[in-house]
Each structure stands twice: as C-alpha cells, then as structure tokens.
Amino acid sequence: HTTNSLLVDVRSTATGVLVTNASVRLYKTGYDTTVTDGSCGQAFFGGLASGTYSVEVSASGYTTYTNSAVSVSGTGRLSVTLD
C-alpha cells in the first residue's frame, strides 16, 4: 500500500473482456513509467506524487487511448476501454 497509487484496468469496447499485454504509460513532468498489464488486464502504479498525470494505453489491434487529465490523490482507479 502506498499513499498515492493508480490501478488501470483495460477492456475491449466491443466485448467488455479484459485486454492482456496492453502497454500502459503514466507520465507527467518528472515521472514517466510504462507497465505492460498482465493476464489480469490491469496495471498498477504505486508511490506516486499527487497531481495530474497523462495516461496512454495501447494494445495490438486497438486504437491508442490517451487522457491528459488523470487526477491522482490517494488510491485511484481508471477503467479504460479500447476500440
């Protein structure tokens, strides 16, 4: 457990099924980390400073998702659907 963290789950818009092996990038000034989600379709980022981050999620066969206004404060969760 860390003070500020973000759990990102990635699903297919068409089927609602978790997308495995997606690349999840979380970044802002001074922080840039990319995690590949596992068989659970989730990526975890811990030990974060509170603030606003950008997220980019990509997976083979899907359109890349981007969001530049992800607020992290405490324990957060972001659900992403890929087309």
N, C-alpha and C. Protein backbone atom coordinates (compact mmCIF):
# COMPACT_ATOMS: atom_id res chain seq x y z
N HIS A 1 0.84 -1.19 0.00
CA HIS A 1 0.00 0.00 0.00
C HIS A 1 0.88 1.25 0.00
N THR A 2 0.55 2.20 -0.86
CA THR A 2 1.26 3.47 -0.89
C THR A 2 0.24 4.60 -0.76
N THR A 3 0.72 5.78 -0.39
CA THR A 3 -0.17 6.92 -0.18
C THR A 3 -0.95 7.26 -1.44
N ASN A 4 -0.26 7.37 -2.57
CA ASN A 4 -0.90 7.69 -3.84
C ASN A 4 -0.59 6.59 -4.84
N SER A 5 -1.64 6.01 -5.41
CA SER A 5 -1.46 4.94 -6.38
C SER A 5 -2.59 4.98 -7.40
N LEU A 6 -2.35 4.29 -8.51
CA LEU A 6 -3.36 4.22 -9.56
C LEU A 6 -3.39 2.82 -10.14
N LEU A 7 -4.59 2.23 -10.18
CA LEU A 7 -4.81 0.94 -10.81
C LEU A 7 -5.57 1.19 -12.10
N VAL A 8 -5.02 0.70 -13.21
CA VAL A 8 -5.65 0.90 -14.52
C VAL A 8 -6.10 -0.46 -15.04
N ASP A 9 -7.39 -0.60 -15.34
CA ASP A 9 -7.84 -1.83 -15.98
C ASP A 9 -8.23 -1.50 -17.42
N VAL A 10 -7.93 -2.44 -18.31
CA VAL A 10 -8.10 -2.23 -19.75
C VAL A 10 -9.05 -3.27 -20.31
N ARG A 11 -10.12 -2.80 -20.95
CA ARG A 11 -11.13 -3.70 -21.53
C ARG A 11 -11.37 -3.36 -22.99
N SER A 12 -11.89 -4.32 -23.71
CA SER A 12 -12.30 -4.12 -25.10
C SER A 12 -13.69 -3.51 -25.12
N THR A 13 -13.88 -2.43 -25.90
CA THR A 13 -15.20 -1.81 -26.03
C THR A 13 -16.20 -2.80 -26.62
N ALA A 14 -15.76 -3.56 -27.61
CA ALA A 14 -16.66 -4.46 -28.33
C ALA A 14 -17.16 -5.62 -27.47
N THR A 15 -16.26 -6.20 -26.65
CA THR A 15 -16.62 -7.41 -25.91
C THR A 15 -16.71 -7.23 -24.40
N GLY A 16 -16.09 -6.18 -23.87
CA GLY A 16 -16.05 -5.99 -22.43
C GLY A 16 -15.02 -6.86 -21.74
N VAL A 17 -14.30 -7.67 -22.51
CA VAL A 17 -13.29 -8.58 -21.97
C VAL A 17 -12.01 -7.80 -21.66
N LEU A 18 -11.32 -8.19 -20.60
CA LEU A 18 -10.05 -7.56 -20.26
C LEU A 18 -9.04 -7.79 -21.39
N VAL A 19 -8.29 -6.74 -21.71
CA VAL A 19 -7.26 -6.81 -22.75
C VAL A 19 -5.93 -7.08 -22.06
N THR A 20 -5.28 -8.18 -22.40
CA THR A 20 -4.00 -8.52 -21.80
C THR A 20 -2.86 -8.02 -22.69
N ASN A 21 -1.70 -7.85 -22.09
CA ASN A 21 -0.49 -7.38 -22.76
C ASN A 21 -0.62 -5.99 -23.35
N ALA A 22 -1.46 -5.16 -22.78
CA ALA A 22 -1.55 -3.76 -23.20
C ALA A 22 -0.42 -2.99 -22.53
N SER A 23 0.08 -1.99 -23.23
CA SER A 23 1.12 -1.11 -22.71
C SER A 23 0.44 0.11 -22.09
N VAL A 24 0.69 0.34 -20.80
CA VAL A 24 0.06 1.45 -20.08
C VAL A 24 1.16 2.40 -19.62
N ARG A 25 1.13 3.62 -20.16
CA ARG A 25 2.14 4.64 -19.83
C ARG A 25 1.48 5.72 -18.98
N LEU A 26 2.10 6.02 -17.84
CA LEU A 26 1.65 7.08 -16.95
C LEU A 26 2.78 8.10 -16.87
N TYR A 27 2.48 9.36 -17.15
CA TYR A 27 3.56 10.34 -17.17
C TYR A 27 3.10 11.76 -16.84
N LYS A 28 4.04 12.53 -16.34
CA LYS A 28 3.93 13.97 -16.12
C LYS A 28 5.36 14.46 -15.95
N THR A 29 5.55 15.76 -15.81
CA THR A 29 6.89 16.29 -15.62
C THR A 29 7.57 15.61 -14.44
N GLY A 30 8.72 15.01 -14.68
CA GLY A 30 9.47 14.35 -13.62
C GLY A 30 9.10 12.90 -13.38
N TYR A 31 8.13 12.38 -14.11
CA TYR A 31 7.71 10.98 -13.93
C TYR A 31 7.25 10.44 -15.28
N ASP A 32 7.76 9.27 -15.65
CA ASP A 32 7.35 8.63 -16.90
C ASP A 32 7.62 7.14 -16.78
N THR A 33 6.57 6.36 -16.60
CA THR A 33 6.71 4.92 -16.43
C THR A 33 5.70 4.19 -17.30
N THR A 34 6.18 3.12 -17.94
CA THR A 34 5.32 2.27 -18.76
C THR A 34 5.29 0.87 -18.17
N VAL A 35 4.08 0.32 -18.03
CA VAL A 35 3.88 -1.01 -17.48
C VAL A 35 3.07 -1.81 -18.49
N THR A 36 3.41 -3.07 -18.68
CA THR A 36 2.58 -3.96 -19.50
C THR A 36 1.64 -4.70 -18.56
N ASP A 37 0.34 -4.57 -18.83
CA ASP A 37 -0.60 -5.26 -17.95
C ASP A 37 -0.45 -6.77 -18.16
N GLY A 38 -0.78 -7.51 -17.17
CA GLY A 38 -0.62 -8.96 -17.23
C GLY A 38 -1.88 -9.67 -17.67
N SER A 39 -1.97 -10.91 -17.30
CA SER A 39 -3.12 -11.73 -17.68
C SER A 39 -4.40 -11.25 -17.03
N CYS A 40 -4.28 -10.39 -16.00
CA CYS A 40 -5.46 -9.85 -15.33
C CYS A 40 -5.99 -8.59 -16.01
N GLY A 41 -5.26 -8.07 -17.01
CA GLY A 41 -5.71 -6.88 -17.72
C GLY A 41 -5.61 -5.61 -16.89
N GLN A 42 -4.70 -5.62 -15.88
CA GLN A 42 -4.56 -4.47 -15.01
C GLN A 42 -3.09 -4.07 -14.87
N ALA A 43 -2.87 -2.77 -14.73
CA ALA A 43 -1.54 -2.24 -14.48
C ALA A 43 -1.61 -1.38 -13.22
N PHE A 44 -0.60 -1.53 -12.35
CA PHE A 44 -0.58 -0.81 -11.07
C PHE A 44 0.62 0.13 -11.01
N PHE A 45 0.36 1.36 -10.58
CA PHE A 45 1.42 2.35 -10.37
C PHE A 45 1.34 2.79 -8.91
N GLY A 46 2.41 2.60 -8.16
CA GLY A 46 2.42 2.95 -6.75
C GLY A 46 3.51 3.98 -6.45
N GLY A 47 3.46 4.54 -5.26
CA GLY A 47 4.45 5.50 -4.83
C GLY A 47 4.43 6.80 -5.62
N LEU A 48 3.26 7.21 -6.05
CA LEU A 48 3.13 8.40 -6.89
C LEU A 48 3.01 9.67 -6.05
N ALA A 49 3.45 10.78 -6.63
CA ALA A 49 3.17 12.09 -6.04
C ALA A 49 1.75 12.46 -6.48
N SER A 50 1.01 13.13 -5.62
CA SER A 50 -0.33 13.54 -6.03
C SER A 50 -0.21 14.59 -7.12
N GLY A 51 -1.21 14.63 -8.01
CA GLY A 51 -1.20 15.59 -9.10
C GLY A 51 -1.95 15.06 -10.30
N THR A 52 -1.80 15.76 -11.42
CA THR A 52 -2.46 15.39 -12.66
C THR A 52 -1.46 14.72 -13.59
N TYR A 53 -1.82 13.56 -14.08
CA TYR A 53 -0.97 12.76 -14.95
C TYR A 53 -1.65 12.57 -16.31
N SER A 54 -0.84 12.16 -17.27
CA SER A 54 -1.36 11.74 -18.57
C SER A 54 -1.23 10.23 -18.65
N VAL A 55 -2.20 9.60 -19.31
CA VAL A 55 -2.19 8.15 -19.49
C VAL A 55 -2.30 7.85 -20.98
N GLU A 56 -1.51 6.89 -21.42
CA GLU A 56 -1.58 6.41 -22.80
C GLU A 56 -1.61 4.89 -22.75
N VAL A 57 -2.63 4.30 -23.37
CA VAL A 57 -2.79 2.85 -23.37
C VAL A 57 -2.85 2.36 -24.80
N SER A 58 -2.01 1.38 -25.11
CA SER A 58 -2.01 0.82 -26.46
C SER A 58 -1.93 -0.70 -26.40
N ALA A 59 -2.55 -1.33 -27.38
CA ALA A 59 -2.52 -2.78 -27.50
C ALA A 59 -2.67 -3.13 -28.97
N SER A 60 -2.07 -4.22 -29.37
CA SER A 60 -2.12 -4.66 -30.75
C SER A 60 -3.57 -4.86 -31.20
N GLY A 61 -3.95 -4.24 -32.33
CA GLY A 61 -5.29 -4.40 -32.87
C GLY A 61 -6.29 -3.39 -32.36
N TYR A 62 -5.86 -2.46 -31.48
CA TYR A 62 -6.75 -1.46 -30.89
C TYR A 62 -6.24 -0.05 -31.17
N THR A 63 -7.14 0.92 -31.14
CA THR A 63 -6.77 2.32 -31.23
C THR A 63 -6.20 2.77 -29.89
N THR A 64 -5.11 3.53 -29.93
CA THR A 64 -4.47 4.01 -28.70
C THR A 64 -5.38 4.99 -27.96
N TYR A 65 -5.47 4.80 -26.64
CA TYR A 65 -6.27 5.66 -25.75
C TYR A 65 -5.33 6.66 -25.08
N THR A 66 -5.72 7.92 -25.02
CA THR A 66 -4.96 8.92 -24.28
C THR A 66 -5.90 9.76 -23.43
N ASN A 67 -5.41 10.16 -22.27
CA ASN A 67 -6.16 11.02 -21.36
C ASN A 67 -5.12 11.87 -20.63
N SER A 68 -5.20 13.18 -20.77
CA SER A 68 -4.19 14.06 -20.17
C SER A 68 -4.67 14.71 -18.87
N ALA A 69 -5.75 14.22 -18.32
CA ALA A 69 -6.30 14.83 -17.10
C ALA A 69 -6.67 13.79 -16.06
N VAL A 70 -5.73 12.91 -15.74
CA VAL A 70 -5.99 11.88 -14.74
C VAL A 70 -5.47 12.39 -13.39
N SER A 71 -6.38 12.61 -12.47
CA SER A 71 -6.02 13.12 -11.15
C SER A 71 -5.66 11.97 -10.22
N VAL A 72 -4.49 12.08 -9.59
CA VAL A 72 -4.06 11.06 -8.63
C VAL A 72 -3.94 11.71 -7.26
N SER A 73 -4.72 11.20 -6.33
CA SER A 73 -4.69 11.63 -4.94
C SER A 73 -5.28 10.50 -4.12
N GLY A 74 -4.45 9.85 -3.35
CA GLY A 74 -4.91 8.67 -2.62
C GLY A 74 -4.89 7.45 -3.54
N THR A 75 -5.76 6.52 -3.26
CA THR A 75 -5.85 5.31 -4.06
C THR A 75 -6.86 5.53 -5.17
N GLY A 76 -6.40 5.47 -6.43
CA GLY A 76 -7.29 5.73 -7.55
C GLY A 76 -7.40 4.55 -8.49
N ARG A 77 -8.44 4.58 -9.29
CA ARG A 77 -8.66 3.53 -10.28
C ARG A 77 -9.16 4.17 -11.57
N LEU A 78 -8.65 3.70 -12.69
CA LEU A 78 -9.05 4.19 -14.00
C LEU A 78 -9.42 3.00 -14.87
N SER A 79 -10.63 3.02 -15.41
CA SER A 79 -11.06 1.98 -16.33
C SER A 79 -10.98 2.53 -17.76
N VAL A 80 -10.25 1.82 -18.60
CA VAL A 80 -10.04 2.24 -19.98
C VAL A 80 -10.67 1.21 -20.90
N THR A 81 -11.39 1.69 -21.91
CA THR A 81 -11.92 0.78 -22.93
C THR A 81 -11.26 1.13 -24.26
N LEU A 82 -10.80 0.10 -24.96
CA LEU A 82 -10.13 0.27 -26.24
C LEU A 82 -11.03 -0.17 -27.38
N ASP A 83 -11.05 0.61 -28.44
CA ASP A 83 -11.82 0.29 -29.65
C ASP A 83 -10.96 -0.50 -30.62
